[in-house]
PDB file of N, CA and C in Angstrom:
ATOM      1  N   MET A   1      11.966 -20.076   6.759  1.00  0.00           N
ATOM      2  CA  MET A   1      12.491 -19.426   5.412  1.00  0.00           C
ATOM      3  C   MET A   1      12.787 -18.097   6.054  1.00  0.00           C
ATOM      4  N   VAL A   2      12.111 -17.735   7.588  1.00  0.00           N
ATOM      5  CA  VAL A   2      12.165 -16.840   8.317  1.00  0.00           C
ATOM      6  C   VAL A   2      13.553 -16.605   8.717  1.00  0.00           C
ATOM      7  N   ASP A   3      14.042 -18.045   9.535  1.00  0.00           N
ATOM      8  CA  ASP A   3      15.471 -17.971  10.212  1.00  0.00           C
ATOM      9  C   ASP A   3      16.668 -17.399   8.437  1.00  0.00           C
ATOM     10  N   TYR A   4      16.605 -17.441   7.898  1.00  0.00           N
ATOM     11  CA  TYR A   4      17.230 -17.381   6.629  1.00  0.00           C
ATOM     12  C   TYR A   4      17.120 -15.923   6.323  1.00  0.00           C
ATOM     13  N   PHE A   5      16.114 -15.139   6.804  1.00  0.00           N
ATOM     14  CA  PHE A   5      15.888 -13.819   6.539  1.00  0.00           C
ATOM     15  C   PHE A   5      16.454 -13.309   6.829  1.00  0.00           C
ATOM     16  N   ASN A   6      16.128 -13.716   8.654  1.00  0.00           N
ATOM     17  CA  ASN A   6      17.038 -13.066  10.248  1.00  0.00           C
ATOM     18  C   ASN A   6      18.743 -13.170   9.554  1.00  0.00           C
ATOM     19  N   PHE A   7      18.941 -14.303   8.995  1.00  0.00           N
ATOM     20  CA  PHE A   7      20.536 -14.531   8.825  1.00  0.00           C
ATOM     21  C   PHE A   7      20.743 -13.062   7.983  1.00  0.00           C
ATOM     22  N   PHE A   8      20.131 -13.123   7.068  1.00  0.00           N
ATOM     23  CA  PHE A   8      20.874 -11.923   6.234  1.00  0.00           C
ATOM     24  C   PHE A   8      20.636 -10.662   6.444  1.00  0.00           C
ATOM     25  N   LYS A   9      19.405 -10.504   7.481  1.00  0.00           N
ATOM     26  CA  LYS A   9      19.409  -8.652   8.342  1.00  0.00           C
ATOM     27  C   LYS A   9      20.135  -9.082   9.552  1.00  0.00           C
ATOM     28  N   SER A  10      20.755  -9.908   9.979  1.00  0.00           N
ATOM     29  CA  SER A  10      21.884 -10.118  10.808  1.00  0.00           C
ATOM     30  C   SER A  10      22.715  -9.792  10.505  1.00  0.00           C
ATOM     31  N   LEU A  11      23.278 -10.122   9.110  1.00  0.00           N
ATOM     32  CA  LEU A  11      24.186  -9.780   8.171  1.00  0.00           C
ATOM     33  C   LEU A  11      24.584  -7.882   7.622  1.00  0.00           C
ATOM     34  N   ILE A  12      23.221  -7.769   7.536  1.00  0.00           N
ATOM     35  CA  ILE A  12      23.406  -6.026   7.051  1.00  0.00           C
ATOM     36  C   ILE A  12      23.566  -5.155   8.452  1.00  0.00           C
ATOM     37  N   ILE A  13      23.239  -5.520   9.409  1.00  0.00           N
ATOM     38  CA  ILE A  13      23.090  -4.789  10.978  1.00  0.00           C
ATOM     39  C   ILE A  13      25.174  -5.032  10.927  1.00  0.00           C
ATOM     40  N   ILE A  14      25.740  -6.723  10.995  1.00  0.00           N
ATOM     41  CA  ILE A  14      26.815  -6.493  11.594  1.00  0.00           C
ATOM     42  C   ILE A  14      27.806  -5.942  10.757  1.00  0.00           C
ATOM     43  N   SER A  15      27.750  -5.615   9.235  1.00  0.00           N
ATOM     44  CA  SER A  15      28.119  -4.772   8.537  1.00  0.00           C
ATOM     45  C   SER A  15      27.791  -3.349   8.841  1.00  0.00           C
ATOM     46  N   ILE A  16      26.911  -2.845   8.929  1.00  0.00           N
ATOM     47  CA  ILE A  16      26.975  -1.292   9.365  1.00  0.00           C
ATOM     48  C   ILE A  16      27.639  -1.174  10.526  1.00  0.00           C
ATOM     49  N   ILE A  17      27.669  -1.660  11.690  1.00  0.00           N
ATOM     50  CA  ILE A  17      28.535  -1.767  12.886  1.00  0.00           C
ATOM     51  C   ILE A  17      29.906  -1.464  12.439  1.00  0.00           C
ATOM     52  N   THR A  18      30.480  -2.698  11.580  1.00  0.00           N
ATOM     53  CA  THR A  18      31.898  -2.906  11.822  1.00  0.00           C
ATOM     54  C   THR A  18      32.061  -1.772  10.436  1.00  0.00           C
ATOM     55  N   GLY A  19      31.515  -1.031   9.751  1.00  0.00           N
ATOM     56  CA  GLY A  19      31.339  -0.140   8.769  1.00  0.00           C
ATOM     57  C   GLY A  19      31.846   1.670   9.716  1.00  0.00           C
ATOM     58  N   ALA A  20      30.879   1.290  10.424  1.00  0.00           N
ATOM     59  CA  ALA A  20      31.173   2.435  11.402  1.00  0.00           C
ATOM     60  C   ALA A  20      32.170   2.647  12.426  1.00  0.00           C
ATOM     61  N   LEU A  21      32.184   1.572  13.006  1.00  0.00           N
ATOM     62  CA  LEU A  21      33.160   1.141  13.756  1.00  0.00           C
ATOM     63  C   LEU A  21      34.471   1.346  13.638  1.00  0.00           C
ATOM     64  N   THR A  22      34.775   0.895  11.983  1.00  0.00           N
ATOM     65  CA  THR A  22      35.586   0.838  11.426  1.00  0.00           C
ATOM     66  C   THR A  22      36.170   2.373  11.366  1.00  0.00           C
ATOM     67  N   LEU A  23      35.531   3.643  10.563  1.00  0.00           N
ATOM     68  CA  LEU A  23      35.525   4.723  10.844  1.00  0.00           C
ATOM     69  C   LEU A  23      36.040   5.169  12.036  1.00  0.00           C
ATOM     70  N   ALA A  24      35.117   5.184  13.059  1.00  0.00           N
ATOM     71  CA  ALA A  24      35.493   5.644  13.779  1.00  0.00           C
ATOM     72  C   ALA A  24      36.607   5.381  14.664  1.00  0.00           C
ATOM     73  N   ALA A  25      37.033   4.333  14.747  1.00  0.00           N
ATOM     74  CA  ALA A  25      37.663   4.127  15.946  1.00  0.00           C
ATOM     75  C   ALA A  25      39.104   3.875  15.673  1.00  0.00           C
ATOM     76  N   THR A  26      39.996   3.549  13.948  1.00  0.00           N
ATOM     77  CA  THR A  26      40.878   3.686  13.633  1.00  0.00           C
ATOM     78  C   THR A  26      40.858   5.161  12.924  1.00  0.00           C
ATOM     79  N   ASP A  27      42.755   5.363  12.984  1.00  0.00           N
ATOM     80  CA  ASP A  27      43.226   6.433  12.675  1.00  0.00           C
ATOM     81  C   ASP A  27      43.249   6.424  11.175  1.00  0.00           C
ATOM     82  N   PRO A  28      43.058   7.167  10.355  1.00  0.00           N
ATOM     83  CA  PRO A  28      42.987   6.910   8.356  1.00  0.00           C
ATOM     84  C   PRO A  28      44.482   6.937   8.066  1.00  0.00           C
ATOM     85  N   LYS A  29      45.902   8.095   9.041  1.00  0.00           N
ATOM     86  CA  LYS A  29      47.260   8.053   8.871  1.00  0.00           C
ATOM     87  C   LYS A  29      47.966   6.735   9.180  1.00  0.00           C
ATOM     88  N   LYS A  30      47.330   6.330   9.801  1.00  0.00           N
ATOM     89  CA  LYS A  30      48.177   5.246  10.817  1.00  0.00           C
ATOM     90  C   LYS A  30      47.940   4.462  10.229  1.00  0.00           C
ATOM     91  N   TYR A  31      46.817   3.353  10.444  1.00  0.00           N
ATOM     92  CA  TYR A  31      46.147   2.424   9.623  1.00  0.00           C
ATOM     93  C   TYR A  31      45.595   1.953   8.510  1.00  0.00           C
ATOM     94  N   ARG A  32      46.024   2.457   7.460  1.00  0.00           N
ATOM     95  CA  ARG A  32      45.769   2.240   6.126  1.00  0.00           C
ATOM     96  C   ARG A  32      44.767   1.490   5.594  1.00  0.00           C
ATOM     97  N   THR A  33      45.777   0.543   5.731  1.00  0.00           N
ATOM     98  CA  THR A  33      45.427  -0.888   5.089  1.00  0.00           C
ATOM     99  C   THR A  33      44.183  -1.464   5.791  1.00  0.00           C
ATOM    100  N   ILE A  34      44.679  -1.379   7.205  1.00  0.00           N
ATOM    101  CA  ILE A  34      43.797  -2.204   8.151  1.00  0.00           C
ATOM    102  C   ILE A  34      42.324  -1.520   7.739  1.00  0.00           C
ATOM    103  N   ARG A  35      42.688  -0.543   7.593  1.00  0.00           N
ATOM    104  CA  ARG A  35      40.772   0.338   7.486  1.00  0.00           C
ATOM    105  C   ARG A  35      40.111  -0.295   6.244  1.00  0.00           C
ATOM    106  N   ILE A  36      41.202  -0.377   5.339  1.00  0.00           N
ATOM    107  CA  ILE A  36      41.261  -0.260   4.271  1.00  0.00           C
ATOM    108  C   ILE A  36      40.416  -2.446   3.830  1.00  0.00           C
ATOM    109  N   LEU A  37      40.789  -2.564   4.437  1.00  0.00           N
ATOM    110  CA  LEU A  37      40.396  -4.516   4.403  1.00  0.00           C
ATOM    111  C   LEU A  37      39.458  -4.410   5.502  1.00  0.00           C
ATOM    112  N   LEU A  38      39.248  -3.780   6.639  1.00  0.00           N
ATOM    113  CA  LEU A  38      38.303  -3.827   7.102  1.00  0.00           C
ATOM    114  C   LEU A  38      36.430  -3.232   6.787  1.00  0.00           C
ATOM    115  N   LEU A  39      36.871  -2.277   5.880  1.00  0.00           N
ATOM    116  CA  LEU A  39      35.786  -1.573   4.969  1.00  0.00           C
ATOM    117  C   LEU A  39      35.577  -2.596   3.712  1.00  0.00           C
ATOM    118  N   ILE A  40      36.367  -3.247   3.469  1.00  0.00           N
ATOM    119  CA  ILE A  40      35.913  -3.989   1.980  1.00  0.00           C
ATOM    120  C   ILE A  40      35.377  -5.399   2.436  1.00  0.00           C
ATOM    121  N   ILE A  41      35.546  -5.929   4.096  1.00  0.00           N
ATOM    122  CA  ILE A  41      34.770  -6.679   4.549  1.00  0.00           C
ATOM    123  C   ILE A  41      33.697  -6.285   4.579  1.00  0.00           C
ATOM    124  N   ALA A  42      33.756  -5.327   5.193  1.00  0.00           N
ATOM    125  CA  ALA A  42      31.993  -4.717   5.706  1.00  0.00           C
ATOM    126  C   ALA A  42      30.919  -4.645   4.859  1.00  0.00           C
ATOM    127  N   GLY A  43      31.953  -4.489   2.966  1.00  0.00           N
ATOM    128  CA  GLY A  43      31.239  -3.690   2.141  1.00  0.00           C
ATOM    129  C   GLY A  43      31.193  -5.068   1.561  1.00  0.00           C
ATOM    130  N   ILE A  44      31.560  -6.644   1.770  1.00  0.00           N
ATOM    131  CA  ILE A  44      31.149  -7.747   1.416  1.00  0.00           C
ATOM    132  C   ILE A  44      29.944  -8.435   2.361  1.00  0.00           C
ATOM    133  N   LEU A  45      30.125  -8.299   3.415  1.00  0.00           N
ATOM    134  CA  LEU A  45      28.809  -8.688   4.410  1.00  0.00           C
ATOM    135  C   LEU A  45      27.649  -7.985   3.819  1.00  0.00           C
ATOM    136  N   LEU A  46      28.033  -6.491   3.726  1.00  0.00           N
ATOM    137  CA  LEU A  46      26.502  -5.774   3.198  1.00  0.00           C
ATOM    138  C   LEU A  46      25.936  -6.334   2.135  1.00  0.00           C
ATOM    139  N   VAL A  47      26.794  -6.663   1.072  1.00  0.00           N
ATOM    140  CA  VAL A  47      25.899  -7.261  -0.657  1.00  0.00           C
ATOM    141  C   VAL A  47      25.372  -8.580  -0.275  1.00  0.00           C
ATOM    142  N   VAL A  48      26.331  -9.186   0.897  1.00  0.00           N
ATOM    143  CA  VAL A  48      25.973 -10.653   0.669  1.00  0.00           C
ATOM    144  C   VAL A  48      24.526 -10.808   1.647  1.00  0.00           C
ATOM    145  N   GLY A  49      24.340  -9.761   2.669  1.00  0.00           N
ATOM    146  CA  GLY A  49      23.255  -9.210   3.475  1.00  0.00           C
ATOM    147  C   GLY A  49      22.134  -9.097   2.595  1.00  0.00           C
ATOM    148  N   LEU A  50      22.443  -7.945   1.516  1.00  0.00           N
ATOM    149  CA  LEU A  50      21.234  -7.317   1.152  1.00  0.00           C
ATOM    150  C   LEU A  50      21.192  -8.492  -0.116  1.00  0.00           C
ATOM    151  N   GLY A  51      21.767  -8.712  -0.867  1.00  0.00           N
ATOM    152  CA  GLY A  51      21.468  -9.435  -2.030  1.00  0.00           C
ATOM    153  C   GLY A  51      20.562 -10.928  -1.436  1.00  0.00           C
ATOM    154  N   GLY A  52      20.444 -11.334  -0.178  1.00  0.00           N
ATOM    155  CA  GLY A  52      20.181 -12.402   0.385  1.00  0.00           C
ATOM    156  C   GLY A  52      18.409 -12.089   0.572  1.00  0.00           C
ATOM    157  N   SER A  53      18.959 -10.816   1.630  1.00  0.00           N
ATOM    158  CA  SER A  53      17.487 -10.455   1.562  1.00  0.00           C
ATOM    159  C   SER A  53      16.342 -10.386   0.375  1.00  0.00           C
ATOM    160  N   ILE A  54      16.870  -9.683  -0.907  1.00  0.00           N
ATOM    161  CA  ILE A  54      16.534  -9.311  -2.089  1.00  0.00           C
ATOM    162  C   ILE A  54      15.768 -10.807  -2.513  1.00  0.00           C
ATOM    163  N   LEU A  55      16.853 -11.780  -2.611  1.00  0.00           N
ATOM    164  CA  LEU A  55      16.055 -13.177  -2.643  1.00  0.00           C
ATOM    165  C   LEU A  55      15.468 -13.620  -2.231  1.00  0.00           C
ATOM    166  N   MET A  56      15.617 -13.587  -1.025  1.00  0.00           N
ATOM    167  CA  MET A  56      14.460 -14.405  -0.236  1.00  0.00           C
ATOM    168  C   MET A  56      13.088 -13.617  -0.233  1.00  0.00           C
ATOM    169  N   SER A  57      13.050 -12.454  -0.503  1.00  0.00           N
ATOM    170  CA  SER A  57      11.641 -11.531  -0.271  1.00  0.00           C
ATOM    171  C   SER A  57      11.189 -11.420  -2.007  1.00  0.00           C
ATOM    172  N   VAL A  58      12.040 -12.071  -2.860  1.00  0.00           N
ATOM    173  CA  VAL A  58      11.334 -12.305  -4.249  1.00  0.00           C
ATOM    174  C   VAL A  58      11.214 -13.720  -4.262  1.00  0.00           C
ATOM    175  N   SER A  59      11.797 -15.045  -3.866  1.00  0.00           N
ATOM    176  CA  SER A  59      11.370 -16.102  -3.793  1.00  0.00           C
ATOM    177  C   SER A  59      10.258 -16.255  -2.870  1.00  0.00           C
ATOM    178  N   ASN A  60      10.189 -15.551  -2.158  1.00  0.00           N
ATOM    179  CA  ASN A  60       9.123 -15.601  -1.144  1.00  0.00           C
ATOM    180  C   ASN A  60       7.565 -15.469  -2.061  1.00  0.00           C
ATOM    181  N   VAL A  61       7.391 -14.857  -2.812  1.00  0.00           N
ATOM    182  CA  VAL A  61       6.257 -14.195  -3.926  1.00  0.00           C
ATOM    183  C   VAL A  61       5.119 -14.953  -3.857  1.00  0.00           C
ATOM    184  N   GLY A  62       5.088 -16.509  -4.441  1.00  0.00           N
ATOM    185  CA  GLY A  62       4.585 -17.206  -4.231  1.00  0.00           C
ATOM    186  C   GLY A  62       4.515 -18.380  -3.686  1.00  0.00           C
ATOM    187  N   SER A  63       5.444 -18.820  -2.524  1.00  0.00           N
ATOM    188  CA  SER A  63       4.943 -19.432  -2.134  1.00  0.00           C
ATOM    189  C   SER A  63       4.279 -20.058  -1.122  1.00  0.00           C
ATOM    190  N   TYR A  64       3.210 -18.950  -0.752  1.00  0.00           N
ATOM    191  CA  TYR A  64       2.223 -19.123   0.296  1.00  0.00           C
ATOM    192  C   TYR A  64       1.127 -20.795   0.640  1.00  0.00           C
ATOM    193  N   ARG A  65       1.102 -21.104   1.241  1.00  0.00           N
ATOM    194  CA  ARG A  65       0.451 -22.172   1.173  1.00  0.00           C
ATOM    195  C   ARG A  65      -0.685 -22.178   1.764  1.00  0.00           C
ATOM    196  N   TYR A  66      -2.150 -22.332   1.129  1.00  0.00           N
ATOM    197  CA  TYR A  66      -3.334 -22.126   1.943  1.00  0.00           C
ATOM    198  C   TYR A  66      -4.033 -23.225   2.517  1.00  0.00           C
TER     199      TYR A  66
END
């Protein structure tokens, strides 16, 4: 369970880094389509990471074994 949660955390971190690098490193006027495409990919990774983290935390609530 922890491995899956770490995977979703790494997706969130990768998407934030990708978005920041896209905004910082590309010229908005020259590479407009590539910039939009990279931001869409970063957004998809962020949504998948956040959704997976929420689902893992919700599904983990009642699954503790004593």
